[in-house]
Amino acid sequence: MTDPFEKYVASPPKKCTVCGGPFSPEKPAITKEFTGEYYAFCSAECMGAFEGDPEKFARLDEEDENGD
């Protein structure tokens, strides 16, 4: 099994978990670990929204990855 951080580094996300905004090389993503997975955010505000309801955003992120 691959370490979650190694998975994140090997294939970093291209958009914010909360707002869906893209990341730019000039402003790297802010990351947060939740239940063994890493999530990326474009701002402290988006990370704060995630922290308010992490289950919701983790579920939406998983659905987006699976194409649901």
PDB file of N, CA and C in Angstrom:
ATOM      1  N   MET A   1       0.843  -1.185   0.000  1.00  0.00           N
ATOM      2  CA  MET A   1       0.000   0.000   0.000  1.00  0.00           C
ATOM      3  C   MET A   1       0.883   1.242   0.000  1.00  0.00           C
ATOM      4  N   THR A   2       0.515   2.220  -0.793  1.00  0.00           N
ATOM      5  CA  THR A   2       1.289   3.440  -0.904  1.00  0.00           C
ATOM      6  C   THR A   2       0.968   4.381   0.250  1.00  0.00           C
ATOM      7  N   ASP A   3       1.997   5.001   0.769  1.00  0.00           N
ATOM      8  CA  ASP A   3       1.826   6.005   1.806  1.00  0.00           C
ATOM      9  C   ASP A   3       1.008   7.169   1.235  1.00  0.00           C
ATOM     10  N   PRO A   4       0.013   7.682   1.962  1.00  0.00           N
ATOM     11  CA  PRO A   4      -0.821   8.768   1.444  1.00  0.00           C
ATOM     12  C   PRO A   4      -0.023  10.000   1.016  1.00  0.00           C
ATOM     13  N   PHE A   5       1.038  10.342   1.755  1.00  0.00           N
ATOM     14  CA  PHE A   5       1.816  11.515   1.369  1.00  0.00           C
ATOM     15  C   PHE A   5       2.593  11.247   0.087  1.00  0.00           C
ATOM     16  N   GLU A   6       3.123  10.037  -0.072  1.00  0.00           N
ATOM     17  CA  GLU A   6       3.824   9.686  -1.312  1.00  0.00           C
ATOM     18  C   GLU A   6       2.863   9.756  -2.495  1.00  0.00           C
ATOM     19  N   LYS A   7       1.641   9.289  -2.290  1.00  0.00           N
ATOM     20  CA  LYS A   7       0.613   9.366  -3.332  1.00  0.00           C
ATOM     21  C   LYS A   7       0.335  10.825  -3.688  1.00  0.00           C
ATOM     22  N   TYR A   8       0.226  11.681  -2.674  1.00  0.00           N
ATOM     23  CA  TYR A   8      -0.035  13.103  -2.888  1.00  0.00           C
ATOM     24  C   TYR A   8       1.103  13.744  -3.681  1.00  0.00           C
ATOM     25  N   VAL A   9       2.349  13.450  -3.292  1.00  0.00           N
ATOM     26  CA  VAL A   9       3.514  14.039  -3.954  1.00  0.00           C
ATOM     27  C   VAL A   9       3.629  13.533  -5.392  1.00  0.00           C
ATOM     28  N   ALA A  10       3.360  12.253  -5.610  1.00  0.00           N
ATOM     29  CA  ALA A  10       3.464  11.669  -6.943  1.00  0.00           C
ATOM     30  C   ALA A  10       2.422  12.231  -7.907  1.00  0.00           C
ATOM     31  N   SER A  11       1.261  12.560  -7.386  1.00  0.00           N
ATOM     32  CA  SER A  11       0.177  13.078  -8.222  1.00  0.00           C
ATOM     33  C   SER A  11      -0.557  14.188  -7.471  1.00  0.00           C
ATOM     34  N   PRO A  12       0.087  15.368  -7.379  1.00  0.00           N
ATOM     35  CA  PRO A  12      -0.543  16.449  -6.610  1.00  0.00           C
ATOM     36  C   PRO A  12      -1.838  16.931  -7.262  1.00  0.00           C
ATOM     37  N   PRO A  13      -2.770  17.381  -6.452  1.00  0.00           N
ATOM     38  CA  PRO A  13      -4.038  17.870  -6.998  1.00  0.00           C
ATOM     39  C   PRO A  13      -3.824  19.126  -7.829  1.00  0.00           C
ATOM     40  N   LYS A  14      -4.716  19.335  -8.774  1.00  0.00           N
ATOM     41  CA  LYS A  14      -4.619  20.500  -9.648  1.00  0.00           C
ATOM     42  C   LYS A  14      -5.583  21.606  -9.250  1.00  0.00           C
ATOM     43  N   LYS A  15      -6.466  21.297  -8.285  1.00  0.00           N
ATOM     44  CA  LYS A  15      -7.430  22.317  -7.866  1.00  0.00           C
ATOM     45  C   LYS A  15      -7.725  22.203  -6.378  1.00  0.00           C
ATOM     46  N   CYS A  16      -8.247  23.275  -5.829  1.00  0.00           N
ATOM     47  CA  CYS A  16      -8.587  23.373  -4.413  1.00  0.00           C
ATOM     48  C   CYS A  16      -9.738  22.425  -4.074  1.00  0.00           C
ATOM     49  N   THR A  17      -9.620  21.723  -2.966  1.00  0.00           N
ATOM     50  CA  THR A  17     -10.645  20.791  -2.509  1.00  0.00           C
ATOM     51  C   THR A  17     -11.976  21.494  -2.244  1.00  0.00           C
ATOM     52  N   VAL A  18     -11.939  22.741  -1.783  1.00  0.00           N
ATOM     53  CA  VAL A  18     -13.162  23.445  -1.387  1.00  0.00           C
ATOM     54  C   VAL A  18     -13.785  24.230  -2.534  1.00  0.00           C
ATOM     55  N   CYS A  19     -13.022  25.146  -3.154  1.00  0.00           N
ATOM     56  CA  CYS A  19     -13.611  26.032  -4.164  1.00  0.00           C
ATOM     57  C   CYS A  19     -13.371  25.577  -5.596  1.00  0.00           C
ATOM     58  N   GLY A  20     -12.466  24.610  -5.788  1.00  0.00           N
ATOM     59  CA  GLY A  20     -12.192  24.113  -7.134  1.00  0.00           C
ATOM     60  C   GLY A  20     -11.265  24.989  -7.949  1.00  0.00           C
ATOM     61  N   GLY A  21     -10.744  26.055  -7.330  1.00  0.00           N
ATOM     62  CA  GLY A  21      -9.823  26.945  -8.033  1.00  0.00           C
ATOM     63  C   GLY A  21      -8.494  26.259  -8.309  1.00  0.00           C
ATOM     64  N   PRO A  22      -7.857  26.608  -9.442  1.00  0.00           N
ATOM     65  CA  PRO A  22      -6.574  25.992  -9.781  1.00  0.00           C
ATOM     66  C   PRO A  22      -5.440  26.540  -8.923  1.00  0.00           C
ATOM     67  N   PHE A  23      -4.373  25.764  -8.822  1.00  0.00           N
ATOM     68  CA  PHE A  23      -3.172  26.212  -8.121  1.00  0.00           C
ATOM     69  C   PHE A  23      -2.215  26.802  -9.131  1.00  0.00           C
ATOM     70  N   SER A  24      -1.394  27.734  -8.682  1.00  0.00           N
ATOM     71  CA  SER A  24      -0.372  28.302  -9.552  1.00  0.00           C
ATOM     72  C   SER A  24       0.998  28.019  -8.958  1.00  0.00           C
ATOM     73  N   PRO A  25       2.029  27.937  -9.805  1.00  0.00           N
ATOM     74  CA  PRO A  25       3.379  27.685  -9.291  1.00  0.00           C
ATOM     75  C   PRO A  25       3.848  28.770  -8.325  1.00  0.00           C
ATOM     76  N   GLU A  26       3.339  29.988  -8.495  1.00  0.00           N
ATOM     77  CA  GLU A  26       3.732  31.096  -7.627  1.00  0.00           C
ATOM     78  C   GLU A  26       3.148  30.981  -6.225  1.00  0.00           C
ATOM     79  N   LYS A  27       2.032  30.281  -6.093  1.00  0.00           N
ATOM     80  CA  LYS A  27       1.361  30.147  -4.798  1.00  0.00           C
ATOM     81  C   LYS A  27       1.038  28.678  -4.549  1.00  0.00           C
ATOM     82  N   PRO A  28       1.949  27.952  -3.906  1.00  0.00           N
ATOM     83  CA  PRO A  28       1.705  26.524  -3.680  1.00  0.00           C
ATOM     84  C   PRO A  28       0.497  26.271  -2.784  1.00  0.00           C
ATOM     85  N   ALA A  29      -0.033  25.089  -2.893  1.00  0.00           N
ATOM     86  CA  ALA A  29      -1.207  24.694  -2.120  1.00  0.00           C
ATOM     87  C   ALA A  29      -0.885  24.555  -0.640  1.00  0.00           C
ATOM     88  N   ILE A  30      -1.900  24.796   0.178  1.00  0.00           N
ATOM     89  CA  ILE A  30      -1.852  24.520   1.616  1.00  0.00           C
ATOM     90  C   ILE A  30      -2.430  23.115   1.768  1.00  0.00           C
ATOM     91  N   THR A  31      -1.799  22.266   2.545  1.00  0.00           N
ATOM     92  CA  THR A  31      -2.288  20.897   2.672  1.00  0.00           C
ATOM     93  C   THR A  31      -2.737  20.577   4.093  1.00  0.00           C
ATOM     94  N   LYS A  32      -3.625  19.604   4.176  1.00  0.00           N
ATOM     95  CA  LYS A  32      -4.162  19.146   5.462  1.00  0.00           C
ATOM     96  C   LYS A  32      -4.416  17.650   5.345  1.00  0.00           C
ATOM     97  N   GLU A  33      -4.007  16.907   6.363  1.00  0.00           N
ATOM     98  CA  GLU A  33      -4.268  15.471   6.400  1.00  0.00           C
ATOM     99  C   GLU A  33      -5.580  15.236   7.145  1.00  0.00           C
ATOM    100  N   PHE A  34      -6.400  14.350   6.601  1.00  0.00           N
ATOM    101  CA  PHE A  34      -7.663  13.987   7.235  1.00  0.00           C
ATOM    102  C   PHE A  34      -7.926  12.519   6.923  1.00  0.00           C
ATOM    103  N   THR A  35      -8.090  11.719   7.925  1.00  0.00           N
ATOM    104  CA  THR A  35      -8.335  10.273   7.834  1.00  0.00           C
ATOM    105  C   THR A  35      -7.371   9.566   6.879  1.00  0.00           C
ATOM    106  N   GLY A  36      -6.098   9.940   6.950  1.00  0.00           N
ATOM    107  CA  GLY A  36      -5.081   9.272   6.153  1.00  0.00           C
ATOM    108  C   GLY A  36      -4.943   9.748   4.724  1.00  0.00           C
ATOM    109  N   GLU A  37      -5.685  10.762   4.335  1.00  0.00           N
ATOM    110  CA  GLU A  37      -5.586  11.334   2.991  1.00  0.00           C
ATOM    111  C   GLU A  37      -5.158  12.788   3.112  1.00  0.00           C
ATOM    112  N   TYR A  38      -4.498  13.289   2.068  1.00  0.00           N
ATOM    113  CA  TYR A  38      -4.083  14.691   2.052  1.00  0.00           C
ATOM    114  C   TYR A  38      -4.988  15.475   1.123  1.00  0.00           C
ATOM    115  N   TYR A  39      -5.395  16.648   1.585  1.00  0.00           N
ATOM    116  CA  TYR A  39      -6.259  17.533   0.823  1.00  0.00           C
ATOM    117  C   TYR A  39      -5.535  18.856   0.630  1.00  0.00           C
ATOM    118  N   ALA A  40      -5.798  19.511  -0.496  1.00  0.00           N
ATOM    119  CA  ALA A  40      -5.086  20.738  -0.839  1.00  0.00           C
ATOM    120  C   ALA A  40      -6.060  21.907  -0.969  1.00  0.00           C
ATOM    121  N   PHE A  41      -5.585  23.079  -0.549  1.00  0.00           N
ATOM    122  CA  PHE A  41      -6.423  24.276  -0.525  1.00  0.00           C
ATOM    123  C   PHE A  41      -5.662  25.456  -1.114  1.00  0.00           C
ATOM    124  N   CYS A  42      -6.393  26.369  -1.735  1.00  0.00           N
ATOM    125  CA  CYS A  42      -5.764  27.538  -2.342  1.00  0.00           C
ATOM    126  C   CYS A  42      -5.557  28.660  -1.335  1.00  0.00           C
ATOM    127  N   SER A  43      -6.236  28.585  -0.194  1.00  0.00           N
ATOM    128  CA  SER A  43      -6.127  29.664   0.794  1.00  0.00           C
ATOM    129  C   SER A  43      -6.449  29.147   2.194  1.00  0.00           C
ATOM    130  N   ALA A  44      -6.096  29.951   3.175  1.00  0.00           N
ATOM    131  CA  ALA A  44      -6.428  29.615   4.563  1.00  0.00           C
ATOM    132  C   ALA A  44      -7.944  29.605   4.756  1.00  0.00           C
ATOM    133  N   GLU A  45      -8.650  30.455   4.013  1.00  0.00           N
ATOM    134  CA  GLU A  45     -10.111  30.499   4.117  1.00  0.00           C
ATOM    135  C   GLU A  45     -10.725  29.175   3.663  1.00  0.00           C
ATOM    136  N   CYS A  46     -10.221  28.634   2.555  1.00  0.00           N
ATOM    137  CA  CYS A  46     -10.741  27.347   2.076  1.00  0.00           C
ATOM    138  C   CYS A  46     -10.393  26.227   3.045  1.00  0.00           C
ATOM    139  N   MET A  47      -9.189  26.254   3.615  1.00  0.00           N
ATOM    140  CA  MET A  47      -8.833  25.235   4.594  1.00  0.00           C
ATOM    141  C   MET A  47      -9.745  25.355   5.814  1.00  0.00           C
ATOM    142  N   GLY A  48     -10.083  26.570   6.225  1.00  0.00           N
ATOM    143  CA  GLY A  48     -10.988  26.774   7.350  1.00  0.00           C
ATOM    144  C   GLY A  48     -12.372  26.217   7.069  1.00  0.00           C
ATOM    145  N   ALA A  49     -12.853  26.406   5.837  1.00  0.00           N
ATOM    146  CA  ALA A  49     -14.156  25.848   5.463  1.00  0.00           C
ATOM    147  C   ALA A  49     -14.114  24.324   5.536  1.00  0.00           C
ATOM    148  N   PHE A  50     -13.020  23.724   5.071  1.00  0.00           N
ATOM    149  CA  PHE A  50     -12.846  22.273   5.143  1.00  0.00           C
ATOM    150  C   PHE A  50     -12.868  21.814   6.587  1.00  0.00           C
ATOM    151  N   GLU A  51     -12.150  22.508   7.444  1.00  0.00           N
ATOM    152  CA  GLU A  51     -12.087  22.129   8.858  1.00  0.00           C
ATOM    153  C   GLU A  51     -13.453  22.217   9.529  1.00  0.00           C
ATOM    154  N   GLY A  52     -14.351  23.067   9.010  1.00  0.00           N
ATOM    155  CA  GLY A  52     -15.693  23.189   9.558  1.00  0.00           C
ATOM    156  C   GLY A  52     -16.569  21.980   9.266  1.00  0.00           C
ATOM    157  N   ASP A  53     -16.302  21.285   8.160  1.00  0.00           N
ATOM    158  CA  ASP A  53     -17.084  20.099   7.787  1.00  0.00           C
ATOM    159  C   ASP A  53     -16.230  19.192   6.905  1.00  0.00           C
ATOM    160  N   PRO A  54     -15.175  18.605   7.474  1.00  0.00           N
ATOM    161  CA  PRO A  54     -14.246  17.826   6.651  1.00  0.00           C
ATOM    162  C   PRO A  54     -14.880  16.621   5.959  1.00  0.00           C
ATOM    163  N   GLU A  55     -15.852  15.978   6.595  1.00  0.00           N
ATOM    164  CA  GLU A  55     -16.485  14.815   5.975  1.00  0.00           C
ATOM    165  C   GLU A  55     -17.163  15.200   4.662  1.00  0.00           C
ATOM    166  N   LYS A  56     -17.836  16.333   4.649  1.00  0.00           N
ATOM    167  CA  LYS A  56     -18.527  16.801   3.446  1.00  0.00           C
ATOM    168  C   LYS A  56     -17.542  17.009   2.307  1.00  0.00           C
ATOM    169  N   PHE A  57     -16.475  17.752   2.564  1.00  0.00           N
ATOM    170  CA  PHE A  57     -15.529  18.066   1.502  1.00  0.00           C
ATOM    171  C   PHE A  57     -14.714  16.849   1.078  1.00  0.00           C
ATOM    172  N   ALA A  58     -14.399  15.960   2.006  1.00  0.00           N
ATOM    173  CA  ALA A  58     -13.680  14.732   1.658  1.00  0.00           C
ATOM    174  C   ALA A  58     -14.545  13.873   0.736  1.00  0.00           C
ATOM    175  N   ARG A  59     -15.835  13.793   1.039  1.00  0.00           N
ATOM    176  CA  ARG A  59     -16.762  13.021   0.212  1.00  0.00           C
ATOM    177  C   ARG A  59     -16.882  13.641  -1.182  1.00  0.00           C
ATOM    178  N   LEU A  60     -17.005  14.961  -1.261  1.00  0.00           N
ATOM    179  CA  LEU A  60     -17.100  15.632  -2.557  1.00  0.00           C
ATOM    180  C   LEU A  60     -15.829  15.443  -3.367  1.00  0.00           C
ATOM    181  N   ASP A  61     -14.672  15.509  -2.697  1.00  0.00           N
ATOM    182  CA  ASP A  61     -13.396  15.319  -3.375  1.00  0.00           C
ATOM    183  C   ASP A  61     -13.296  13.902  -3.932  1.00  0.00           C
ATOM    184  N   GLU A  62     -13.729  12.917  -3.156  1.00  0.00           N
ATOM    185  CA  GLU A  62     -13.699  11.521  -3.603  1.00  0.00           C
ATOM    186  C   GLU A  62     -14.634  11.322  -4.790  1.00  0.00           C
ATOM    187  N   GLU A  63     -15.821  11.913  -4.743  1.00  0.00           N
ATOM    188  CA  GLU A  63     -16.764  11.799  -5.855  1.00  0.00           C
ATOM    189  C   GLU A  63     -16.182  12.427  -7.110  1.00  0.00           C
ATOM    190  N   ASP A  64     -15.492  13.567  -6.961  1.00  0.00           N
ATOM    191  CA  ASP A  64     -14.875  14.242  -8.095  1.00  0.00           C
ATOM    192  C   ASP A  64     -13.778  13.373  -8.708  1.00  0.00           C
ATOM    193  N   GLU A  65     -12.968  12.737  -7.868  1.00  0.00           N
ATOM    194  CA  GLU A  65     -11.901  11.852  -8.353  1.00  0.00           C
ATOM    195  C   GLU A  65     -12.468  10.651  -9.096  1.00  0.00           C
ATOM    196  N   ASN A  66     -13.606  10.146  -8.636  1.00  0.00           N
ATOM    197  CA  ASN A  66     -14.221   8.965  -9.249  1.00  0.00           C
ATOM    198  C   ASN A  66     -15.121   9.310 -10.430  1.00  0.00           C
ATOM    199  N   GLY A  67     -15.327  10.596 -10.675  1.00  0.00           N
ATOM    200  CA  GLY A  67     -16.174  11.006 -11.778  1.00  0.00           C
ATOM    201  C   GLY A  67     -17.652  10.887 -11.499  1.00  0.00           C
ATOM    202  N   ASP A  68     -18.032  10.795 -10.235  1.00  0.00           N
ATOM    203  CA  ASP A  68     -19.451  10.685  -9.852  1.00  0.00           C
ATOM    204  C   ASP A  68     -20.149  12.023  -9.969  1.00  0.00           C
TER     205      ASP A  68
END
